[in-house]
PDB file of N, CA and C in Angstrom:
ATOM      1  N   MET A   1      66.097 151.953  82.006  1.00  0.00           N
ATOM      2  CA  MET A   1      66.069 153.340  81.611  1.00  0.00           C
ATOM      3  C   MET A   1      64.983 153.596  80.568  1.00  0.00           C
ATOM      4  N   ALA A   2      64.330 152.545  80.125  1.00  0.00           N
ATOM      5  CA  ALA A   2      63.319 152.697  79.095  1.00  0.00           C
ATOM      6  C   ALA A   2      62.181 153.623  79.537  1.00  0.00           C
ATOM      7  N   GLY A   3      61.886 153.654  80.839  1.00  0.00           N
ATOM      8  CA  GLY A   3      60.812 154.486  81.336  1.00  0.00           C
ATOM      9  C   GLY A   3      61.199 155.939  81.588  1.00  0.00           C
ATOM     10  N   PHE A   4      62.442 156.280  81.409  1.00  0.00           N
ATOM     11  CA  PHE A   4      62.893 157.658  81.638  1.00  0.00           C
ATOM     12  C   PHE A   4      62.404 158.565  80.522  1.00  0.00           C
ATOM     13  N   ASP A   5      62.121 159.804  80.874  1.00  0.00           N
ATOM     14  CA  ASP A   5      61.810 160.790  79.841  1.00  0.00           C
ATOM     15  C   ASP A   5      62.814 161.941  79.934  1.00  0.00           C
ATOM     16  N   ALA A   6      62.625 162.966  79.163  1.00  0.00           N
ATOM     17  CA  ALA A   6      63.584 164.076  79.079  1.00  0.00           C
ATOM     18  C   ALA A   6      63.739 164.816  80.405  1.00  0.00           C
ATOM     19  N   ARG A   7      62.759 164.701  81.312  1.00  0.00           N
ATOM     20  CA  ARG A   7      62.844 165.406  82.595  1.00  0.00           C
ATOM     21  C   ARG A   7      63.546 164.594  83.678  1.00  0.00           C
ATOM     22  N   THR A   8      63.805 163.323  83.420  1.00  0.00           N
ATOM     23  CA  THR A   8      64.435 162.474  84.414  1.00  0.00           C
ATOM     24  C   THR A   8      65.869 162.913  84.646  1.00  0.00           C
ATOM     25  N   ARG A   9      66.186 163.151  85.895  1.00  0.00           N
ATOM     26  CA  ARG A   9      67.544 163.565  86.252  1.00  0.00           C
ATOM     27  C   ARG A   9      68.433 162.333  86.335  1.00  0.00           C
ATOM     28  N   ILE A  10      69.557 162.380  85.665  1.00  0.00           N
ATOM     29  CA  ILE A  10      70.510 161.274  85.685  1.00  0.00           C
ATOM     30  C   ILE A  10      71.830 161.812  86.208  1.00  0.00           C
ATOM     31  N   ASP A  11      72.336 161.196  87.264  1.00  0.00           N
ATOM     32  CA  ASP A  11      73.644 161.564  87.800  1.00  0.00           C
ATOM     33  C   ASP A  11      74.667 160.556  87.301  1.00  0.00           C
ATOM     34  N   ALA A  12      75.839 161.037  87.009  1.00  0.00           N
ATOM     35  CA  ALA A  12      76.906 160.157  86.543  1.00  0.00           C
ATOM     36  C   ALA A  12      78.192 160.461  87.296  1.00  0.00           C
ATOM     37  N   VAL A  13      79.010 159.448  87.436  1.00  0.00           N
ATOM     38  CA  VAL A  13      80.307 159.611  88.065  1.00  0.00           C
ATOM     39  C   VAL A  13      81.349 159.516  86.956  1.00  0.00           C
ATOM     40  N   ALA A  14      82.244 160.485  86.927  1.00  0.00           N
ATOM     41  CA  ALA A  14      83.289 160.475  85.901  1.00  0.00           C
ATOM     42  C   ALA A  14      84.598 160.967  86.506  1.00  0.00           C
ATOM     43  N   ASN A  15      85.674 160.657  85.839  1.00  0.00           N
ATOM     44  CA  ASN A  15      87.008 161.113  86.239  1.00  0.00           C
ATOM     45  C   ASN A  15      87.366 160.711  87.660  1.00  0.00           C
ATOM     46  N   VAL A  16      87.035 159.481  88.029  1.00  0.00           N
ATOM     47  CA  VAL A  16      87.417 158.972  89.343  1.00  0.00           C
ATOM     48  C   VAL A  16      88.937 158.833  89.359  1.00  0.00           C
ATOM     49  N   PRO A  17      89.609 159.364  90.365  1.00  0.00           N
ATOM     50  CA  PRO A  17      91.081 159.350  90.364  1.00  0.00           C
ATOM     51  C   PRO A  17      91.678 158.032  90.863  1.00  0.00           C
ATOM     52  N   TYR A  18      91.398 156.943  90.139  1.00  0.00           N
ATOM     53  CA  TYR A  18      91.920 155.638  90.543  1.00  0.00           C
ATOM     54  C   TYR A  18      93.428 155.678  90.699  1.00  0.00           C
ATOM     55  N   GLY A  19      93.914 155.062  91.753  1.00  0.00           N
ATOM     56  CA  GLY A  19      95.342 155.020  92.028  1.00  0.00           C
ATOM     57  C   GLY A  19      95.826 156.133  92.937  1.00  0.00           C
ATOM     58  N   TRP A  20      94.968 157.122  93.192  1.00  0.00           N
ATOM     59  CA  TRP A  20      95.358 158.272  94.024  1.00  0.00           C
ATOM     60  C   TRP A  20      95.380 157.869  95.494  1.00  0.00           C
ATOM     61  N   ARG A  21      96.355 158.403  96.217  1.00  0.00           N
ATOM     62  CA  ARG A  21      96.439 158.226  97.670  1.00  0.00           C
ATOM     63  C   ARG A  21      96.794 159.566  98.291  1.00  0.00           C
ATOM     64  N   GLN A  22      96.169 159.905  99.405  1.00  0.00           N
ATOM     65  CA  GLN A  22      96.511 161.109 100.157  1.00  0.00           C
ATOM     66  C   GLN A  22      97.769 160.799 100.942  1.00  0.00           C
ATOM     67  N   ARG A  23      98.871 161.459 100.608  1.00  0.00           N
ATOM     68  CA  ARG A  23     100.145 161.132 101.238  1.00  0.00           C
ATOM     69  C   ARG A  23     100.466 162.006 102.443  1.00  0.00           C
ATOM     70  N   GLN A  24      99.902 163.181 102.492  1.00  0.00           N
ATOM     71  CA  GLN A  24     100.132 164.043 103.644  1.00  0.00           C
ATOM     72  C   GLN A  24      98.846 164.790 103.937  1.00  0.00           C
ATOM     73  N   ASP A  25      98.722 165.238 105.150  1.00  0.00           N
ATOM     74  CA  ASP A  25      97.483 165.895 105.560  1.00  0.00           C
ATOM     75  C   ASP A  25      97.774 167.330 105.958  1.00  0.00           C
ATOM     76  N   PRO A  26      97.483 168.258 105.073  1.00  0.00           N
ATOM     77  CA  PRO A  26      97.799 169.651 105.371  1.00  0.00           C
ATOM     78  C   PRO A  26      96.828 170.335 106.328  1.00  0.00           C
ATOM     79  N   ASP A  27      95.660 169.741 106.565  1.00  0.00           N
ATOM     80  CA  ASP A  27      94.659 170.476 107.336  1.00  0.00           C
ATOM     81  C   ASP A  27      94.206 169.806 108.627  1.00  0.00           C
ATOM     82  N   GLY A  28      94.953 168.861 109.154  1.00  0.00           N
ATOM     83  CA  GLY A  28      94.634 168.279 110.453  1.00  0.00           C
ATOM     84  C   GLY A  28      93.472 167.309 110.464  1.00  0.00           C
ATOM     85  N   LEU A  29      93.116 166.733 109.321  1.00  0.00           N
ATOM     86  CA  LEU A  29      92.023 165.773 109.253  1.00  0.00           C
ATOM     87  C   LEU A  29      92.561 164.360 109.084  1.00  0.00           C
ATOM     88  N   TYR A  30      91.837 163.412 109.635  1.00  0.00           N
ATOM     89  CA  TYR A  30      92.121 162.010 109.367  1.00  0.00           C
ATOM     90  C   TYR A  30      91.220 161.636 108.190  1.00  0.00           C
ATOM     91  N   ARG A  31      91.762 161.619 107.007  1.00  0.00           N
ATOM     92  CA  ARG A  31      90.957 161.332 105.821  1.00  0.00           C
ATOM     93  C   ARG A  31      90.725 159.829 105.731  1.00  0.00           C
ATOM     94  N   LEU A  32      89.470 159.436 105.479  1.00  0.00           N
ATOM     95  CA  LEU A  32      89.074 158.031 105.489  1.00  0.00           C
ATOM     96  C   LEU A  32      88.515 157.620 104.137  1.00  0.00           C
ATOM     97  N   GLY A  33      88.460 156.314 103.905  1.00  0.00           N
ATOM     98  CA  GLY A  33      87.835 155.780 102.697  1.00  0.00           C
ATOM     99  C   GLY A  33      88.465 156.329 101.445  1.00  0.00           C
ATOM    100  N   ASP A  34      87.612 156.712 100.488  1.00  0.00           N
ATOM    101  CA  ASP A  34      88.147 157.202  99.217  1.00  0.00           C
ATOM    102  C   ASP A  34      88.707 158.611  99.313  1.00  0.00           C
ATOM    103  N   GLN A  35      88.703 159.179 100.512  1.00  0.00           N
ATOM    104  CA  GLN A  35      89.386 160.455 100.711  1.00  0.00           C
ATOM    105  C   GLN A  35      90.858 160.237 101.072  1.00  0.00           C
ATOM    106  N   CYS A  36      91.239 158.961 101.276  1.00  0.00           N
ATOM    107  CA  CYS A  36      92.653 158.677 101.553  1.00  0.00           C
ATOM    108  C   CYS A  36      93.264 157.735 100.532  1.00  0.00           C
ATOM    109  N   ALA A  37      92.468 156.914  99.849  1.00  0.00           N
ATOM    110  CA  ALA A  37      92.992 156.015  98.828  1.00  0.00           C
ATOM    111  C   ALA A  37      91.857 155.599  97.899  1.00  0.00           C
ATOM    112  N   VAL A  38      92.101 155.683  96.590  1.00  0.00           N
ATOM    113  CA  VAL A  38      91.084 155.325  95.598  1.00  0.00           C
ATOM    114  C   VAL A  38      91.614 154.157  94.772  1.00  0.00           C
ATOM    115  N   ILE A  39      91.086 152.975  95.062  1.00  0.00           N
ATOM    116  CA  ILE A  39      91.529 151.764  94.368  1.00  0.00           C
ATOM    117  C   ILE A  39      90.601 151.515  93.180  1.00  0.00           C
ATOM    118  N   PRO A  40      91.142 151.084  92.052  1.00  0.00           N
ATOM    119  CA  PRO A  40      90.272 150.796  90.908  1.00  0.00           C
ATOM    120  C   PRO A  40      89.159 149.816  91.275  1.00  0.00           C
ATOM    121  N   SER A  41      88.000 150.032  90.705  1.00  0.00           N
ATOM    122  CA  SER A  41      86.808 149.253  91.056  1.00  0.00           C
ATOM    123  C   SER A  41      86.981 147.764  90.843  1.00  0.00           C
ATOM    124  N   LEU A  42      87.801 147.355  89.919  1.00  0.00           N
ATOM    125  CA  LEU A  42      87.961 145.930  89.655  1.00  0.00           C
ATOM    126  C   LEU A  42      88.408 145.167  90.882  1.00  0.00           C
ATOM    127  N   ALA A  43      89.047 145.848  91.798  1.00  0.00           N
ATOM    128  CA  ALA A  43      89.556 145.172  92.987  1.00  0.00           C
ATOM    129  C   ALA A  43      88.459 144.888  93.998  1.00  0.00           C
ATOM    130  N   GLY A  44      87.336 145.600  93.945  1.00  0.00           N
ATOM    131  CA  GLY A  44      86.260 145.399  94.904  1.00  0.00           C
ATOM    132  C   GLY A  44      86.672 145.724  96.321  1.00  0.00           C
ATOM    133  N   GLU A  45      87.619 146.627  96.486  1.00  0.00           N
ATOM    134  CA  GLU A  45      88.218 146.858  97.791  1.00  0.00           C
ATOM    135  C   GLU A  45      87.897 148.223  98.376  1.00  0.00           C
ATOM    136  N   GLY A  46      87.058 149.019  97.737  1.00  0.00           N
ATOM    137  CA  GLY A  46      86.728 150.335  98.274  1.00  0.00           C
ATOM    138  C   GLY A  46      86.166 150.279  99.680  1.00  0.00           C
ATOM    139  N   ASN A  47      85.260 149.336  99.945  1.00  0.00           N
ATOM    140  CA  ASN A  47      84.705 149.195 101.291  1.00  0.00           C
ATOM    141  C   ASN A  47      85.768 148.757 102.285  1.00  0.00           C
ATOM    142  N   GLY A  48      86.674 147.897 101.846  1.00  0.00           N
ATOM    143  CA  GLY A  48      87.758 147.456 102.716  1.00  0.00           C
ATOM    144  C   GLY A  48      88.641 148.615 103.141  1.00  0.00           C
ATOM    145  N   ILE A  49      88.941 149.506 102.202  1.00  0.00           N
ATOM    146  CA  ILE A  49      89.749 150.686 102.527  1.00  0.00           C
ATOM    147  C   ILE A  49      88.989 151.594 103.482  1.00  0.00           C
ATOM    148  N   ALA A  50      87.691 151.747 103.258  1.00  0.00           N
ATOM    149  CA  ALA A  50      86.887 152.587 104.155  1.00  0.00           C
ATOM    150  C   ALA A  50      86.915 152.035 105.577  1.00  0.00           C
ATOM    151  N   LEU A  51      86.711 150.741 105.723  1.00  0.00           N
ATOM    152  CA  LEU A  51      86.711 150.134 107.056  1.00  0.00           C
ATOM    153  C   LEU A  51      88.098 150.160 107.692  1.00  0.00           C
ATOM    154  N   ALA A  52      89.119 149.802 106.914  1.00  0.00           N
ATOM    155  CA  ALA A  52      90.485 149.778 107.459  1.00  0.00           C
ATOM    156  C   ALA A  52      90.941 151.164 107.863  1.00  0.00           C
ATOM    157  N   SER A  53      90.657 152.162 107.025  1.00  0.00           N
ATOM    158  CA  SER A  53      91.107 153.513 107.353  1.00  0.00           C
ATOM    159  C   SER A  53      90.355 154.057 108.561  1.00  0.00           C
ATOM    160  N   GLY A  54      89.067 153.758 108.664  1.00  0.00           N
ATOM    161  CA  GLY A  54      88.293 154.222 109.820  1.00  0.00           C
ATOM    162  C   GLY A  54      88.794 153.628 111.122  1.00  0.00           C
ATOM    163  N   GLU A  55      89.004 152.326 111.118  1.00  0.00           N
ATOM    164  CA  GLU A  55      89.489 151.660 112.331  1.00  0.00           C
ATOM    165  C   GLU A  55      90.905 152.136 112.679  1.00  0.00           C
ATOM    166  N   ASP A  56      91.748 152.196 111.670  1.00  0.00           N
ATOM    167  CA  ASP A  56      93.139 152.589 111.892  1.00  0.00           C
ATOM    168  C   ASP A  56      93.248 154.039 112.374  1.00  0.00           C
ATOM    169  N   ALA A  57      92.468 154.927 111.767  1.00  0.00           N
ATOM    170  CA  ALA A  57      92.508 156.340 112.164  1.00  0.00           C
ATOM    171  C   ALA A  57      91.974 156.522 113.587  1.00  0.00           C
ATOM    172  N   ALA A  58      90.928 155.779 113.925  1.00  0.00           N
ATOM    173  CA  ALA A  58      90.390 155.877 115.291  1.00  0.00           C
ATOM    174  C   ALA A  58      91.429 155.430 116.316  1.00  0.00           C
ATOM    175  N   GLN A  59      92.120 154.331 116.022  1.00  0.00           N
ATOM    176  CA  GLN A  59      93.165 153.862 116.933  1.00  0.00           C
ATOM    177  C   GLN A  59      94.312 154.868 117.019  1.00  0.00           C
ATOM    178  N   ALA A  60      94.663 155.461 115.882  1.00  0.00           N
ATOM    179  CA  ALA A  60      95.737 156.468 115.879  1.00  0.00           C
ATOM    180  C   ALA A  60      95.326 157.686 116.698  1.00  0.00           C
ATOM    181  N   TRP A  61      94.093 158.143 116.523  1.00  0.00           N
ATOM    182  CA  TRP A  61      93.606 159.313 117.250  1.00  0.00           C
ATOM    183  C   TRP A  61      93.618 159.040 118.759  1.00  0.00           C
ATOM    184  N   LEU A  62      93.136 157.851 119.150  1.00  0.00           N
ATOM    185  CA  LEU A  62      93.125 157.493 120.570  1.00  0.00           C
ATOM    186  C   LEU A  62      94.540 157.400 121.137  1.00  0.00           C
ATOM    187  N   ALA A  63      95.489 157.009 120.306  1.00  0.00           N
ATOM    188  CA  ALA A  63      96.883 156.880 120.753  1.00  0.00           C
ATOM    189  C   ALA A  63      97.645 158.196 120.655  1.00  0.00           C
ATOM    190  N   GLY A  64      96.983 159.245 120.167  1.00  0.00           N
ATOM    191  CA  GLY A  64      97.630 160.551 120.068  1.00  0.00           C
ATOM    192  C   GLY A  64      98.535 160.719 118.853  1.00  0.00           C
ATOM    193  N   VAL A  65      98.371 159.866 117.854  1.00  0.00           N
ATOM    194  CA  VAL A  65      99.154 159.997 116.618  1.00  0.00           C
ATOM    195  C   VAL A  65      98.552 161.135 115.801  1.00  0.00           C
ATOM    196  N   SER A  66      99.387 162.037 115.335  1.00  0.00           N
ATOM    197  CA  SER A  66      98.884 163.176 114.560  1.00  0.00           C
ATOM    198  C   SER A  66      98.294 162.703 113.242  1.00  0.00           C
ATOM    199  N   SER A  67      97.347 163.471 112.710  1.00  0.00           N
ATOM    200  CA  SER A  67      96.746 163.117 111.429  1.00  0.00           C
ATOM    201  C   SER A  67      97.798 163.109 110.322  1.00  0.00           C
ATOM    202  N   LYS A  68      98.762 164.013 110.418  1.00  0.00           N
ATOM    203  CA  LYS A  68      99.832 164.056 109.409  1.00  0.00           C
ATOM    204  C   LYS A  68     100.638 162.762 109.412  1.00  0.00           C
ATOM    205  N   ASP A  69     101.028 162.293 110.596  1.00  0.00           N
ATOM    206  CA  ASP A  69     101.791 161.050 110.689  1.00  0.00           C
ATOM    207  C   ASP A  69     100.944 159.855 110.263  1.00  0.00           C
ATOM    208  N   TRP A  70      99.679 159.839 110.703  1.00  0.00           N
ATOM    209  CA  TRP A  70      98.811 158.726 110.338  1.00  0.00           C
ATOM    210  C   TRP A  70      98.596 158.679 108.842  1.00  0.00           C
ATOM    211  N   GLN A  71      98.336 159.824 108.213  1.00  0.00           N
ATOM    212  CA  GLN A  71      98.079 159.857 106.772  1.00  0.00           C
ATOM    213  C   GLN A  71      99.274 159.318 106.006  1.00  0.00           C
ATOM    214  N   HIS A  72     100.463 159.699 106.423  1.00  0.00           N
ATOM    215  CA  HIS A  72     101.681 159.220 105.769  1.00  0.00           C
ATOM    216  C   HIS A  72     101.799 157.699 105.933  1.00  0.00           C
ATOM    217  N   GLN A  73     101.536 157.196 107.131  1.00  0.00           N
ATOM    218  CA  GLN A  73     101.621 155.754 107.381  1.00  0.00           C
ATOM    219  C   GLN A  73     100.575 154.984 106.585  1.00  0.00           C
ATOM    220  N   PHE A  74      99.350 155.514 106.512  1.00  0.00           N
ATOM    221  CA  PHE A  74      98.302 154.797 105.794  1.00  0.00           C
ATOM    222  C   PHE A  74      98.565 154.818 104.288  1.00  0.00           C
ATOM    223  N   ALA A  75      99.126 155.903 103.781  1.00  0.00           N
ATOM    224  CA  ALA A  75      99.494 155.961 102.359  1.00  0.00           C
ATOM    225  C   ALA A  75     100.528 154.888 102.043  1.00  0.00           C
ATOM    226  N   LYS A  76     101.498 154.699 102.921  1.00  0.00           N
ATOM    227  CA  LYS A  76     102.496 153.644 102.722  1.00  0.00           C
ATOM    228  C   LYS A  76     101.823 152.266 102.762  1.00  0.00           C
ATOM    229  N   ARG A  77     100.884 152.108 103.661  1.00  0.00           N
ATOM    230  CA  ARG A  77     100.180 150.824 103.810  1.00  0.00           C
ATOM    231  C   ARG A  77      99.358 150.470 102.575  1.00  0.00           C
ATOM    232  N   THR A  78      98.830 151.471 101.885  1.00  0.00           N
ATOM    233  CA  THR A  78      97.988 151.219 100.718  1.00  0.00           C
ATOM    234  C   THR A  78      98.759 151.260  99.395  1.00  0.00           C
ATOM    235  N   ALA A  79     100.045 151.552  99.440  1.00  0.00           N
ATOM    236  CA  ALA A  79     100.818 151.694  98.203  1.00  0.00           C
ATOM    237  C   ALA A  79     100.783 150.430  97.341  1.00  0.00           C
ATOM    238  N   ARG A  80     101.076 149.288  97.926  1.00  0.00           N
ATOM    239  CA  ARG A  80     101.130 148.054  97.133  1.00  0.00           C
ATOM    240  C   ARG A  80      99.757 147.642  96.605  1.00  0.00           C
ATOM    241  N   PRO A  81      98.707 147.558  97.451  1.00  0.00           N
ATOM    242  CA  PRO A  81      97.421 147.125  96.906  1.00  0.00           C
ATOM    243  C   PRO A  81      96.852 148.083  95.864  1.00  0.00           C
ATOM    244  N   VAL A  82      96.944 149.385  96.117  1.00  0.00           N
ATOM    245  CA  VAL A  82      96.422 150.354  95.153  1.00  0.00           C
ATOM    246  C   VAL A  82      97.268 150.344  93.881  1.00  0.00           C
ATOM    247  N   GLY A  83      98.585 150.250  94.035  1.00  0.00           N
ATOM    248  CA  GLY A  83      99.467 150.209  92.872  1.00  0.00           C
ATOM    249  C   GLY A  83      99.224 148.992  92.005  1.00  0.00           C
ATOM    250  N   LEU A  84      99.079 147.819  92.627  1.00  0.00           N
ATOM    251  CA  LEU A  84      98.828 146.594  91.863  1.00  0.00           C
ATOM    252  C   LEU A  84      97.476 146.648  91.164  1.00  0.00           C
ATOM    253  N   ALA A  85      96.440 147.094  91.870  1.00  0.00           N
ATOM    254  CA  ALA A  85      95.119 147.191  91.257  1.00  0.00           C
ATOM    255  C   ALA A  85      95.134 148.176  90.094  1.00  0.00           C
ATOM    256  N   THR A  86      95.884 149.266  90.233  1.00  0.00           N
ATOM    257  CA  THR A  86      95.988 150.248  89.158  1.00  0.00           C
ATOM    258  C   THR A  86      96.695 149.648  87.950  1.00  0.00           C
ATOM    259  N   LEU A  87      97.754 148.883  88.181  1.00  0.00           N
ATOM    260  CA  LEU A  87      98.475 148.229  87.096  1.00  0.00           C
ATOM    261  C   LEU A  87      97.564 147.252  86.348  1.00  0.00           C
ATOM    262  N   VAL A  88      96.853 146.407  87.087  1.00  0.00           N
ATOM    263  CA  VAL A  88      95.954 145.434  86.460  1.00  0.00           C
ATOM    264  C   VAL A  88      94.851 146.149  85.692  1.00  0.00           C
ATOM    265  N   TRP A  89      94.317 147.216  86.251  1.00  0.00           N
ATOM    266  CA  TRP A  89      93.269 147.996  85.588  1.00  0.00           C
ATOM    267  C   TRP A  89      93.779 148.548  84.257  1.00  0.00           C
ATOM    268  N   HIS A  90      94.961 149.166  84.280  1.00  0.00           N
ATOM    269  CA  HIS A  90      95.513 149.717  83.037  1.00  0.00           C
ATOM    270  C   HIS A  90      95.798 148.617  82.018  1.00  0.00           C
ATOM    271  N   LEU A  91      96.361 147.513  82.471  1.00  0.00           N
ATOM    272  CA  LEU A  91      96.609 146.398  81.547  1.00  0.00           C
ATOM    273  C   LEU A  91      95.305 145.873  80.968  1.00  0.00           C
ATOM    274  N   GLY A  92      94.321 145.684  81.821  1.00  0.00           N
ATOM    275  CA  GLY A  92      93.042 145.128  81.394  1.00  0.00           C
ATOM    276  C   GLY A  92      92.299 145.987  80.398  1.00  0.00           C
ATOM    277  N   GLU A  93      92.490 147.287  80.464  1.00  0.00           N
ATOM    278  CA  GLU A  93      91.803 148.175  79.527  1.00  0.00           C
ATOM    279  C   GLU A  93      92.572 148.383  78.227  1.00  0.00           C
ATOM    280  N   GLY A  94      93.791 147.882  78.175  1.00  0.00           N
ATOM    281  CA  GLY A  94      94.595 148.055  76.967  1.00  0.00           C
ATOM    282  C   GLY A  94      94.180 147.100  75.867  1.00  0.00           C
ATOM    283  N   ARG A  95      94.436 147.507  74.645  1.00  0.00           N
ATOM    284  CA  ARG A  95      94.075 146.692  73.479  1.00  0.00           C
ATOM    285  C   ARG A  95      94.775 145.328  73.505  1.00  0.00           C
ATOM    286  N   LEU A  96      96.000 145.315  73.948  1.00  0.00           N
ATOM    287  CA  LEU A  96      96.757 144.061  74.032  1.00  0.00           C
ATOM    288  C   LEU A  96      96.698 143.446  75.425  1.00  0.00           C
ATOM    289  N   GLY A  97      96.665 144.309  76.444  1.00  0.00           N
ATOM    290  CA  GLY A  97      96.709 143.821  77.817  1.00  0.00           C
ATOM    291  C   GLY A  97      95.485 143.031  78.233  1.00  0.00           C
ATOM    292  N   GLY A  98      94.304 143.462  77.803  1.00  0.00           N
ATOM    293  CA  GLY A  98      93.069 142.759  78.159  1.00  0.00           C
ATOM    294  C   GLY A  98      93.077 141.312  77.697  1.00  0.00           C
ATOM    295  N   PRO A  99      93.310 141.085  76.392  1.00  0.00           N
ATOM    296  CA  PRO A  99      93.391 139.691  75.926  1.00  0.00           C
ATOM    297  C   PRO A  99      94.526 138.909  76.581  1.00  0.00           C
ATOM    298  N   MET A 100      95.663 139.579  76.809  1.00  0.00           N
ATOM    299  CA  MET A 100      96.788 138.897  77.439  1.00  0.00           C
ATOM    300  C   MET A 100      96.404 138.431  78.850  1.00  0.00           C
ATOM    301  N   LEU A 101      95.787 139.340  79.634  1.00  0.00           N
ATOM    302  CA  LEU A 101      95.367 138.956  80.992  1.00  0.00           C
ATOM    303  C   LEU A 101      94.352 137.821  80.964  1.00  0.00           C
ATOM    304  N   THR A 102      93.455 137.850  80.005  1.00  0.00           N
ATOM    305  CA  THR A 102      92.458 136.792  79.876  1.00  0.00           C
ATOM    306  C   THR A 102      93.132 135.446  79.642  1.00  0.00           C
ATOM    307  N   HIS A 103      94.108 135.406  78.741  1.00  0.00           N
ATOM    308  CA  HIS A 103      94.824 134.152  78.456  1.00  0.00           C
ATOM    309  C   HIS A 103      95.633 133.690  79.672  1.00  0.00           C
ATOM    310  N   VAL A 104      96.308 134.613  80.334  1.00  0.00           N
ATOM    311  CA  VAL A 104      97.112 134.247  81.506  1.00  0.00           C
ATOM    312  C   VAL A 104      96.217 133.680  82.607  1.00  0.00           C
ATOM    313  N   LEU A 105      95.094 134.339  82.867  1.00  0.00           N
ATOM    314  CA  LEU A 105      94.199 133.869  83.931  1.00  0.00           C
ATOM    315  C   LEU A 105      93.510 132.568  83.551  1.00  0.00           C
ATOM    316  N   ARG A 106      93.281 132.368  82.268  1.00  0.00           N
ATOM    317  CA  ARG A 106      92.711 131.095  81.832  1.00  0.00           C
ATOM    318  C   ARG A 106      93.713 129.966  82.084  1.00  0.00           C
ATOM    319  N   ALA A 107      94.986 130.246  81.815  1.00  0.00           N
ATOM    320  CA  ALA A 107      96.029 129.234  82.005  1.00  0.00           C
ATOM    321  C   ALA A 107      96.378 129.043  83.487  1.00  0.00           C
ATOM    322  N   PHE A 108      96.304 130.125  84.256  1.00  0.00           N
ATOM    323  CA  PHE A 108      96.679 130.090  85.676  1.00  0.00           C
ATOM    324  C   PHE A 108      95.584 130.745  86.522  1.00  0.00           C
ATOM    325  N   PRO A 109      94.445 130.073  86.704  1.00  0.00           N
ATOM    326  CA  PRO A 109      93.325 130.690  87.429  1.00  0.00           C
ATOM    327  C   PRO A 109      93.655 131.095  88.863  1.00  0.00           C
ATOM    328  N   ALA A 110      94.621 130.442  89.481  1.00  0.00           N
ATOM    329  CA  ALA A 110      94.992 130.794  90.852  1.00  0.00           C
ATOM    330  C   ALA A 110      95.560 132.201  90.932  1.00  0.00           C
ATOM    331  N   MET A 111      96.031 132.740  89.814  1.00  0.00           N
ATOM    332  CA  MET A 111      96.560 134.111  89.821  1.00  0.00           C
ATOM    333  C   MET A 111      95.479 135.122  90.162  1.00  0.00           C
ATOM    334  N   ALA A 112      94.235 134.850  89.764  1.00  0.00           N
ATOM    335  CA  ALA A 112      93.139 135.759  90.099  1.00  0.00           C
ATOM    336  C   ALA A 112      92.959 135.832  91.610  1.00  0.00           C
ATOM    337  N   THR A 113      93.066 134.691  92.274  1.00  0.00           N
ATOM    338  CA  THR A 113      92.970 134.657  93.734  1.00  0.00           C
ATOM    339  C   THR A 113      94.124 135.416  94.364  1.00  0.00           C
ATOM    340  N   TRP A 114      95.321 135.232  93.818  1.00  0.00           N
ATOM    341  CA  TRP A 114      96.500 135.932  94.333  1.00  0.00           C
ATOM    342  C   TRP A 114      96.352 137.441  94.170  1.00  0.00           C
ATOM    343  N   VAL A 115      95.908 137.896  92.984  1.00  0.00           N
ATOM    344  CA  VAL A 115      95.744 139.334  92.752  1.00  0.00           C
ATOM    345  C   VAL A 115      94.673 139.900  93.684  1.00  0.00           C
ATOM    346  N   ALA A 116      93.575 139.167  93.843  1.00  0.00           N
ATOM    347  CA  ALA A 116      92.521 139.640  94.754  1.00  0.00           C
ATOM    348  C   ALA A 116      93.064 139.796  96.171  1.00  0.00           C
ATOM    349  N   ALA A 117      93.814 138.824  96.631  1.00  0.00           N
ATOM    350  CA  ALA A 117      94.366 138.895  97.989  1.00  0.00           C
ATOM    351  C   ALA A 117      95.409 140.015  98.101  1.00  0.00           C
ATOM    352  N   ALA A 118      96.200 140.204  97.058  1.00  0.00           N
ATOM    353  CA  ALA A 118      97.261 141.212  97.087  1.00  0.00           C
ATOM    354  C   ALA A 118      96.732 142.641  97.011  1.00  0.00           C
ATOM    355  N   THR A 119      95.482 142.803  96.611  1.00  0.00           N
ATOM    356  CA  THR A 119      94.903 144.149  96.521  1.00  0.00           C
ATOM    357  C   THR A 119      94.017 144.473  97.715  1.00  0.00           C
ATOM    358  N   ARG A 120      94.033 143.658  98.745  1.00  0.00           N
ATOM    359  CA  ARG A 120      93.223 143.911  99.939  1.00  0.00           C
ATOM    360  C   ARG A 120      93.986 144.748 100.960  1.00  0.00           C
ATOM    361  N   VAL A 121      93.239 145.614 101.636  1.00  0.00           N
ATOM    362  CA  VAL A 121      93.771 146.401 102.749  1.00  0.00           C
ATOM    363  C   VAL A 121      93.015 145.929 103.984  1.00  0.00           C
ATOM    364  N   ARG A 122      93.674 145.213 104.824  1.00  0.00           N
ATOM    365  CA  ARG A 122      93.021 144.610 105.999  1.00  0.00           C
ATOM    366  C   ARG A 122      92.821 145.637 107.108  1.00  0.00           C
ATOM    367  N   ALA A 123      91.692 145.495 107.787  1.00  0.00           N
ATOM    368  CA  ALA A 123      91.401 146.368 108.930  1.00  0.00           C
ATOM    369  C   ALA A 123      92.235 145.963 110.115  1.00  0.00           C
TER     370      ALA A 123
END
């Protein structure tokens, strides 16, 4: 950013609704990716949700499943991974939770693998 001057346009992302899931579809759309579930970035799973929701919605559409029914089913499918990632995110950002998680993961490194696997949404 050292080369930027006062005229350089900078875009920023703020107020991302981590933990949000679209539970019902009022307008007949099959919402995909972060329009159906927003997982905290620490999980690295945003692309996984985009791919899983796209594949799943396409199969539902071909099978004649309504967008309302599909949205409800996909919200249920993402509840655990999004909920767990949201919990870890909140703990990690806390004054006490961050150091606590660091100590726990240092003592039990396999837990990081477990949390990563538990926050995945498979296609």
